[in-house]
Amino acid sequence: MSFTAVYEPAAEGGFTCWVEEIPAAISEGDTIEEAESNLMNALKLVLECQRELSDQTRSPASLKRSLELAAA
């Protein structure tokens, strides 16, 4: 999977960052490298939580299929 990370200089120093496609994945760091590492951890946690919530709310009769989405 590929995502778009956005880095913005913070007024107090360092960087705030987020994943464009997954607004809940946000983080910060003193350097871009630290911010990116923190953002990767945040993204993993968000995706993990979304998967767990999906598993908990899905009916046992649900059908799962993989989808490939091509960018326009």
PDB file of N, CA and C in Angstrom:
ATOM      1  N   MET A   1       0.841  -1.178   0.000  1.00  0.00           N
ATOM      2  CA  MET A   1       0.000   0.000   0.000  1.00  0.00           C
ATOM      3  C   MET A   1       0.882   1.236   0.000  1.00  0.00           C
ATOM      4  N   SER A   2       0.390   2.246  -0.611  1.00  0.00           N
ATOM      5  CA  SER A   2       1.127   3.502  -0.671  1.00  0.00           C
ATOM      6  C   SER A   2       0.217   4.629  -0.187  1.00  0.00           C
ATOM      7  N   PHE A   3       0.774   5.510   0.637  1.00  0.00           N
ATOM      8  CA  PHE A   3       0.015   6.623   1.186  1.00  0.00           C
ATOM      9  C   PHE A   3       0.801   7.915   0.986  1.00  0.00           C
ATOM     10  N   THR A   4       0.110   9.039   1.099  1.00  0.00           N
ATOM     11  CA  THR A   4       0.741  10.344   0.956  1.00  0.00           C
ATOM     12  C   THR A   4       0.904  10.982   2.329  1.00  0.00           C
ATOM     13  N   ALA A   5       2.149  11.225   2.728  1.00  0.00           N
ATOM     14  CA  ALA A   5       2.432  11.886   4.002  1.00  0.00           C
ATOM     15  C   ALA A   5       2.641  13.376   3.748  1.00  0.00           C
ATOM     16  N   VAL A   6       2.039  14.204   4.590  1.00  0.00           N
ATOM     17  CA  VAL A   6       2.177  15.653   4.493  1.00  0.00           C
ATOM     18  C   VAL A   6       2.902  16.129   5.747  1.00  0.00           C
ATOM     19  N   TYR A   7       3.960  16.921   5.561  1.00  0.00           N
ATOM     20  CA  TYR A   7       4.763  17.440   6.674  1.00  0.00           C
ATOM     21  C   TYR A   7       4.640  18.955   6.690  1.00  0.00           C
ATOM     22  N   GLU A   8       4.337  19.484   7.864  1.00  0.00           N
ATOM     23  CA  GLU A   8       4.186  20.927   8.007  1.00  0.00           C
ATOM     24  C   GLU A   8       5.057  21.404   9.165  1.00  0.00           C
ATOM     25  N   PRO A   9       5.899  22.417   8.931  1.00  0.00           N
ATOM     26  CA  PRO A   9       6.702  22.934  10.041  1.00  0.00           C
ATOM     27  C   PRO A   9       5.791  23.458  11.155  1.00  0.00           C
ATOM     28  N   ALA A  10       6.104  23.100  12.388  1.00  0.00           N
ATOM     29  CA  ALA A  10       5.324  23.553  13.543  1.00  0.00           C
ATOM     30  C   ALA A  10       5.887  24.881  14.037  1.00  0.00           C
ATOM     31  N   ALA A  11       5.024  25.759  14.513  1.00  0.00           N
ATOM     32  CA  ALA A  11       5.443  27.083  14.985  1.00  0.00           C
ATOM     33  C   ALA A  11       6.474  26.987  16.102  1.00  0.00           C
ATOM     34  N   GLU A  12       6.331  25.969  16.963  1.00  0.00           N
ATOM     35  CA  GLU A  12       7.246  25.809  18.098  1.00  0.00           C
ATOM     36  C   GLU A  12       8.492  25.007  17.738  1.00  0.00           C
ATOM     37  N   GLY A  13       8.641  24.672  16.467  1.00  0.00           N
ATOM     38  CA  GLY A  13       9.774  23.861  16.010  1.00  0.00           C
ATOM     39  C   GLY A  13       9.325  22.442  15.728  1.00  0.00           C
ATOM     40  N   GLY A  14      10.082  21.750  14.943  1.00  0.00           N
ATOM     41  CA  GLY A  14       9.726  20.388  14.580  1.00  0.00           C
ATOM     42  C   GLY A  14       8.690  20.368  13.470  1.00  0.00           C
ATOM     43  N   PHE A  15       8.025  19.238  13.338  1.00  0.00           N
ATOM     44  CA  PHE A  15       7.072  19.047  12.249  1.00  0.00           C
ATOM     45  C   PHE A  15       5.823  18.324  12.736  1.00  0.00           C
ATOM     46  N   THR A  16       4.701  18.732  12.193  1.00  0.00           N
ATOM     47  CA  THR A  16       3.448  18.011  12.350  1.00  0.00           C
ATOM     48  C   THR A  16       3.229  17.291  11.030  1.00  0.00           C
ATOM     49  N   CYS A  17       2.684  16.080  11.081  1.00  0.00           N
ATOM     50  CA  CYS A  17       2.473  15.347   9.839  1.00  0.00           C
ATOM     51  C   CYS A  17       1.213  14.504   9.918  1.00  0.00           C
ATOM     52  N   TRP A  18       0.691  14.179   8.758  1.00  0.00           N
ATOM     53  CA  TRP A  18      -0.501  13.346   8.678  1.00  0.00           C
ATOM     54  C   TRP A  18      -0.516  12.622   7.346  1.00  0.00           C
ATOM     55  N   VAL A  19      -1.381  11.607   7.285  1.00  0.00           N
ATOM     56  CA  VAL A  19      -1.554  10.841   6.054  1.00  0.00           C
ATOM     57  C   VAL A  19      -2.809  11.372   5.369  1.00  0.00           C
ATOM     58  N   GLU A  20      -2.642  11.874   4.141  1.00  0.00           N
ATOM     59  CA  GLU A  20      -3.759  12.480   3.414  1.00  0.00           C
ATOM     60  C   GLU A  20      -4.958  11.551   3.292  1.00  0.00           C
ATOM     61  N   GLU A  21      -4.712  10.298   2.999  1.00  0.00           N
ATOM     62  CA  GLU A  21      -5.793   9.350   2.751  1.00  0.00           C
ATOM     63  C   GLU A  21      -6.446   8.812   4.030  1.00  0.00           C
ATOM     64  N   ILE A  22      -5.767   8.957   5.169  1.00  0.00           N
ATOM     65  CA  ILE A  22      -6.270   8.432   6.449  1.00  0.00           C
ATOM     66  C   ILE A  22      -6.142   9.557   7.483  1.00  0.00           C
ATOM     67  N   PRO A  23      -7.129  10.458   7.560  1.00  0.00           N
ATOM     68  CA  PRO A  23      -7.020  11.636   8.425  1.00  0.00           C
ATOM     69  C   PRO A  23      -6.740  11.343   9.899  1.00  0.00           C
ATOM     70  N   ALA A  24      -7.093  10.158  10.383  1.00  0.00           N
ATOM     71  CA  ALA A  24      -6.853   9.827  11.789  1.00  0.00           C
ATOM     72  C   ALA A  24      -5.377   9.557  12.074  1.00  0.00           C
ATOM     73  N   ALA A  25      -4.579   9.339  11.037  1.00  0.00           N
ATOM     74  CA  ALA A  25      -3.145   9.064  11.218  1.00  0.00           C
ATOM     75  C   ALA A  25      -2.381  10.385  11.208  1.00  0.00           C
ATOM     76  N   ILE A  26      -2.104  10.891  12.405  1.00  0.00           N
ATOM     77  CA  ILE A  26      -1.371  12.151  12.554  1.00  0.00           C
ATOM     78  C   ILE A  26      -0.263  11.952  13.582  1.00  0.00           C
ATOM     79  N   SER A  27       0.788  12.759  13.462  1.00  0.00           N
ATOM     80  CA  SER A  27       1.877  12.670  14.427  1.00  0.00           C
ATOM     81  C   SER A  27       2.727  13.929  14.344  1.00  0.00           C
ATOM     82  N   GLU A  28       3.870  13.870  15.024  1.00  0.00           N
ATOM     83  CA  GLU A  28       4.802  14.996  15.029  1.00  0.00           C
ATOM     84  C   GLU A  28       6.185  14.485  15.377  1.00  0.00           C
ATOM     85  N   GLY A  29       7.176  15.345  15.214  1.00  0.00           N
ATOM     86  CA  GLY A  29       8.538  14.990  15.580  1.00  0.00           C
ATOM     87  C   GLY A  29       9.443  16.199  15.468  1.00  0.00           C
ATOM     88  N   ASP A  30      10.599  16.115  16.101  1.00  0.00           N
ATOM     89  CA  ASP A  30      11.558  17.222  16.063  1.00  0.00           C
ATOM     90  C   ASP A  30      12.206  17.362  14.694  1.00  0.00           C
ATOM     91  N   THR A  31      12.341  16.247  13.966  1.00  0.00           N
ATOM     92  CA  THR A  31      12.902  16.247  12.611  1.00  0.00           C
ATOM     93  C   THR A  31      11.906  15.554  11.685  1.00  0.00           C
ATOM     94  N   ILE A  32      12.093  15.712  10.386  1.00  0.00           N
ATOM     95  CA  ILE A  32      11.218  15.019   9.436  1.00  0.00           C
ATOM     96  C   ILE A  32      11.355  13.514   9.617  1.00  0.00           C
ATOM     97  N   GLU A  33      12.571  13.045   9.853  1.00  0.00           N
ATOM     98  CA  GLU A  33      12.798  11.606  10.031  1.00  0.00           C
ATOM     99  C   GLU A  33      12.049  11.072  11.254  1.00  0.00           C
ATOM    100  N   GLU A  34      12.128  11.804  12.361  1.00  0.00           N
ATOM    101  CA  GLU A  34      11.415  11.387  13.572  1.00  0.00           C
ATOM    102  C   GLU A  34       9.901  11.454  13.352  1.00  0.00           C
ATOM    103  N   ALA A  35       9.452  12.527  12.709  1.00  0.00           N
ATOM    104  CA  ALA A  35       8.025  12.673  12.424  1.00  0.00           C
ATOM    105  C   ALA A  35       7.539  11.525  11.542  1.00  0.00           C
ATOM    106  N   GLU A  36       8.335  11.153  10.544  1.00  0.00           N
ATOM    107  CA  GLU A  36       7.950  10.060   9.646  1.00  0.00           C
ATOM    108  C   GLU A  36       7.881   8.724  10.383  1.00  0.00           C
ATOM    109  N   SER A  37       8.844   8.469  11.240  1.00  0.00           N
ATOM    110  CA  SER A  37       8.838   7.237  12.029  1.00  0.00           C
ATOM    111  C   SER A  37       7.606   7.190  12.935  1.00  0.00           C
ATOM    112  N   ASN A  38       7.316   8.306  13.593  1.00  0.00           N
ATOM    113  CA  ASN A  38       6.137   8.387  14.458  1.00  0.00           C
ATOM    114  C   ASN A  38       4.851   8.230  13.646  1.00  0.00           C
ATOM    115  N   LEU A  39       4.843   8.813  12.445  1.00  0.00           N
ATOM    116  CA  LEU A  39       3.666   8.723  11.587  1.00  0.00           C
ATOM    117  C   LEU A  39       3.434   7.288  11.121  1.00  0.00           C
ATOM    118  N   MET A  40       4.493   6.575  10.804  1.00  0.00           N
ATOM    119  CA  MET A  40       4.362   5.170  10.406  1.00  0.00           C
ATOM    120  C   MET A  40       3.723   4.365  11.541  1.00  0.00           C
ATOM    121  N   ASN A  41       4.166   4.612  12.772  1.00  0.00           N
ATOM    122  CA  ASN A  41       3.579   3.924  13.931  1.00  0.00           C
ATOM    123  C   ASN A  41       2.100   4.284  14.090  1.00  0.00           C
ATOM    124  N   ALA A  42       1.785   5.563  13.925  1.00  0.00           N
ATOM    125  CA  ALA A  42       0.392   6.009  14.041  1.00  0.00           C
ATOM    126  C   ALA A  42      -0.468   5.364  12.957  1.00  0.00           C
ATOM    127  N   LEU A  43       0.046   5.300  11.740  1.00  0.00           N
ATOM    128  CA  LEU A  43      -0.698   4.701  10.635  1.00  0.00           C
ATOM    129  C   LEU A  43      -0.966   3.219  10.894  1.00  0.00           C
ATOM    130  N   LYS A  44       0.044   2.511  11.369  1.00  0.00           N
ATOM    131  CA  LYS A  44      -0.133   1.089  11.682  1.00  0.00           C
ATOM    132  C   LYS A  44      -1.215   0.898  12.739  1.00  0.00           C
ATOM    133  N   LEU A  45      -1.196   1.738  13.775  1.00  0.00           N
ATOM    134  CA  LEU A  45      -2.199   1.633  14.842  1.00  0.00           C
ATOM    135  C   LEU A  45      -3.609   1.928  14.333  1.00  0.00           C
ATOM    136  N   VAL A  46      -3.746   2.958  13.512  1.00  0.00           N
ATOM    137  CA  VAL A  46      -5.060   3.312  12.972  1.00  0.00           C
ATOM    138  C   VAL A  46      -5.604   2.173  12.115  1.00  0.00           C
ATOM    139  N   LEU A  47      -4.763   1.624  11.233  1.00  0.00           N
ATOM    140  CA  LEU A  47      -5.212   0.532  10.365  1.00  0.00           C
ATOM    141  C   LEU A  47      -5.559  -0.718  11.175  1.00  0.00           C
ATOM    142  N   GLU A  48      -4.756  -0.991  12.198  1.00  0.00           N
ATOM    143  CA  GLU A  48      -5.020  -2.126  13.093  1.00  0.00           C
ATOM    144  C   GLU A  48      -6.373  -1.961  13.793  1.00  0.00           C
ATOM    145  N   CYS A  49      -6.616  -0.780  14.333  1.00  0.00           N
ATOM    146  CA  CYS A  49      -7.879  -0.503  15.033  1.00  0.00           C
ATOM    147  C   CYS A  49      -9.064  -0.606  14.082  1.00  0.00           C
ATOM    148  N   GLN A  50      -8.916  -0.077  12.871  1.00  0.00           N
ATOM    149  CA  GLN A  50     -10.005  -0.156  11.896  1.00  0.00           C
ATOM    150  C   GLN A  50     -10.313  -1.607  11.542  1.00  0.00           C
ATOM    151  N   ARG A  51      -9.280  -2.413  11.389  1.00  0.00           N
ATOM    152  CA  ARG A  51      -9.485  -3.827  11.064  1.00  0.00           C
ATOM    153  C   ARG A  51     -10.195  -4.535  12.225  1.00  0.00           C
ATOM    154  N   GLU A  52      -9.752  -4.279  13.461  1.00  0.00           N
ATOM    155  CA  GLU A  52     -10.384  -4.905  14.629  1.00  0.00           C
ATOM    156  C   GLU A  52     -11.853  -4.504  14.747  1.00  0.00           C
ATOM    157  N   LEU A  53     -12.147  -3.218  14.549  1.00  0.00           N
ATOM    158  CA  LEU A  53     -13.535  -2.757  14.613  1.00  0.00           C
ATOM    159  C   LEU A  53     -14.373  -3.403  13.519  1.00  0.00           C
ATOM    160  N   SER A  54     -13.806  -3.526  12.351  1.00  0.00           N
ATOM    161  CA  SER A  54     -14.505  -4.162  11.237  1.00  0.00           C
ATOM    162  C   SER A  54     -14.806  -5.622  11.559  1.00  0.00           C
ATOM    163  N   ASP A  55     -13.822  -6.315  12.121  1.00  0.00           N
ATOM    164  CA  ASP A  55     -14.010  -7.724  12.484  1.00  0.00           C
ATOM    165  C   ASP A  55     -15.095  -7.886  13.543  1.00  0.00           C
ATOM    166  N   GLN A  56     -15.172  -6.939  14.481  1.00  0.00           N
ATOM    167  CA  GLN A  56     -16.149  -7.025  15.572  1.00  0.00           C
ATOM    168  C   GLN A  56     -17.570  -6.740  15.104  1.00  0.00           C
ATOM    169  N   THR A  57     -17.718  -5.912  14.087  1.00  0.00           N
ATOM    170  CA  THR A  57     -19.051  -5.494  13.662  1.00  0.00           C
ATOM    171  C   THR A  57     -19.575  -6.272  12.462  1.00  0.00           C
ATOM    172  N   ARG A  58     -18.728  -7.056  11.828  1.00  0.00           N
ATOM    173  CA  ARG A  58     -19.135  -7.793  10.635  1.00  0.00           C
ATOM    174  C   ARG A  58     -19.981  -9.006  11.009  1.00  0.00           C
ATOM    175  N   SER A  59     -21.022  -9.230  10.261  1.00  0.00           N
ATOM    176  CA  SER A  59     -21.882 -10.398  10.446  1.00  0.00           C
ATOM    177  C   SER A  59     -21.126 -11.658  10.026  1.00  0.00           C
ATOM    178  N   PRO A  60     -21.352 -12.783  10.710  1.00  0.00           N
ATOM    179  CA  PRO A  60     -20.695 -14.036  10.319  1.00  0.00           C
ATOM    180  C   PRO A  60     -21.025 -14.445   8.880  1.00  0.00           C
ATOM    181  N   ALA A  61     -22.136 -13.953   8.342  1.00  0.00           N
ATOM    182  CA  ALA A  61     -22.532 -14.295   6.977  1.00  0.00           C
ATOM    183  C   ALA A  61     -21.876 -13.388   5.933  1.00  0.00           C
ATOM    184  N   SER A  62     -21.049 -12.460   6.376  1.00  0.00           N
ATOM    185  CA  SER A  62     -20.408 -11.520   5.455  1.00  0.00           C
ATOM    186  C   SER A  62     -19.452 -12.232   4.513  1.00  0.00           C
ATOM    187  N   LEU A  63     -19.343 -11.698   3.313  1.00  0.00           N
ATOM    188  CA  LEU A  63     -18.414 -12.205   2.311  1.00  0.00           C
ATOM    189  C   LEU A  63     -17.276 -11.205   2.174  1.00  0.00           C
ATOM    190  N   LYS A  64     -16.038 -11.673   2.256  1.00  0.00           N
ATOM    191  CA  LYS A  64     -14.873 -10.800   2.113  1.00  0.00           C
ATOM    192  C   LYS A  64     -14.228 -11.054   0.752  1.00  0.00           C
ATOM    193  N   ARG A  65     -13.922  -9.964   0.037  1.00  0.00           N
ATOM    194  CA  ARG A  65     -13.214 -10.055  -1.237  1.00  0.00           C
ATOM    195  C   ARG A  65     -12.198  -8.933  -1.309  1.00  0.00           C
ATOM    196  N   SER A  66     -11.097  -9.192  -1.973  1.00  0.00           N
ATOM    197  CA  SER A  66     -10.061  -8.181  -2.171  1.00  0.00           C
ATOM    198  C   SER A  66     -10.445  -7.275  -3.334  1.00  0.00           C
ATOM    199  N   LEU A  67     -10.172  -5.994  -3.192  1.00  0.00           N
ATOM    200  CA  LEU A  67     -10.404  -5.030  -4.262  1.00  0.00           C
ATOM    201  C   LEU A  67      -9.111  -4.300  -4.564  1.00  0.00           C
ATOM    202  N   GLU A  68      -8.843  -4.080  -5.824  1.00  0.00           N
ATOM    203  CA  GLU A  68      -7.700  -3.278  -6.247  1.00  0.00           C
ATOM    204  C   GLU A  68      -8.254  -1.989  -6.832  1.00  0.00           C
ATOM    205  N   LEU A  69      -7.823  -0.865  -6.320  1.00  0.00           N
ATOM    206  CA  LEU A  69      -8.295   0.425  -6.793  1.00  0.00           C
ATOM    207  C   LEU A  69      -7.171   1.104  -7.554  1.00  0.00           C
ATOM    208  N   ALA A  70      -7.401   1.393  -8.810  1.00  0.00           N
ATOM    209  CA  ALA A  70      -6.404   2.085  -9.626  1.00  0.00           C
ATOM    210  C   ALA A  70      -6.634   3.582  -9.493  1.00  0.00           C
ATOM    211  N   ALA A  71      -5.560   4.319  -9.304  1.00  0.00           N
ATOM    212  CA  ALA A  71      -5.665   5.773  -9.179  1.00  0.00           C
ATOM    213  C   ALA A  71      -6.031   6.378 -10.530  1.00  0.00           C
ATOM    214  N   ALA A  72      -6.832   7.415 -10.480  1.00  0.00           N
ATOM    215  CA  ALA A  72      -7.262   8.077 -11.725  1.00  0.00           C
ATOM    216  C   ALA A  72      -6.172   8.955 -12.274  1.00  0.00           C
TER     217      ALA A  72
END
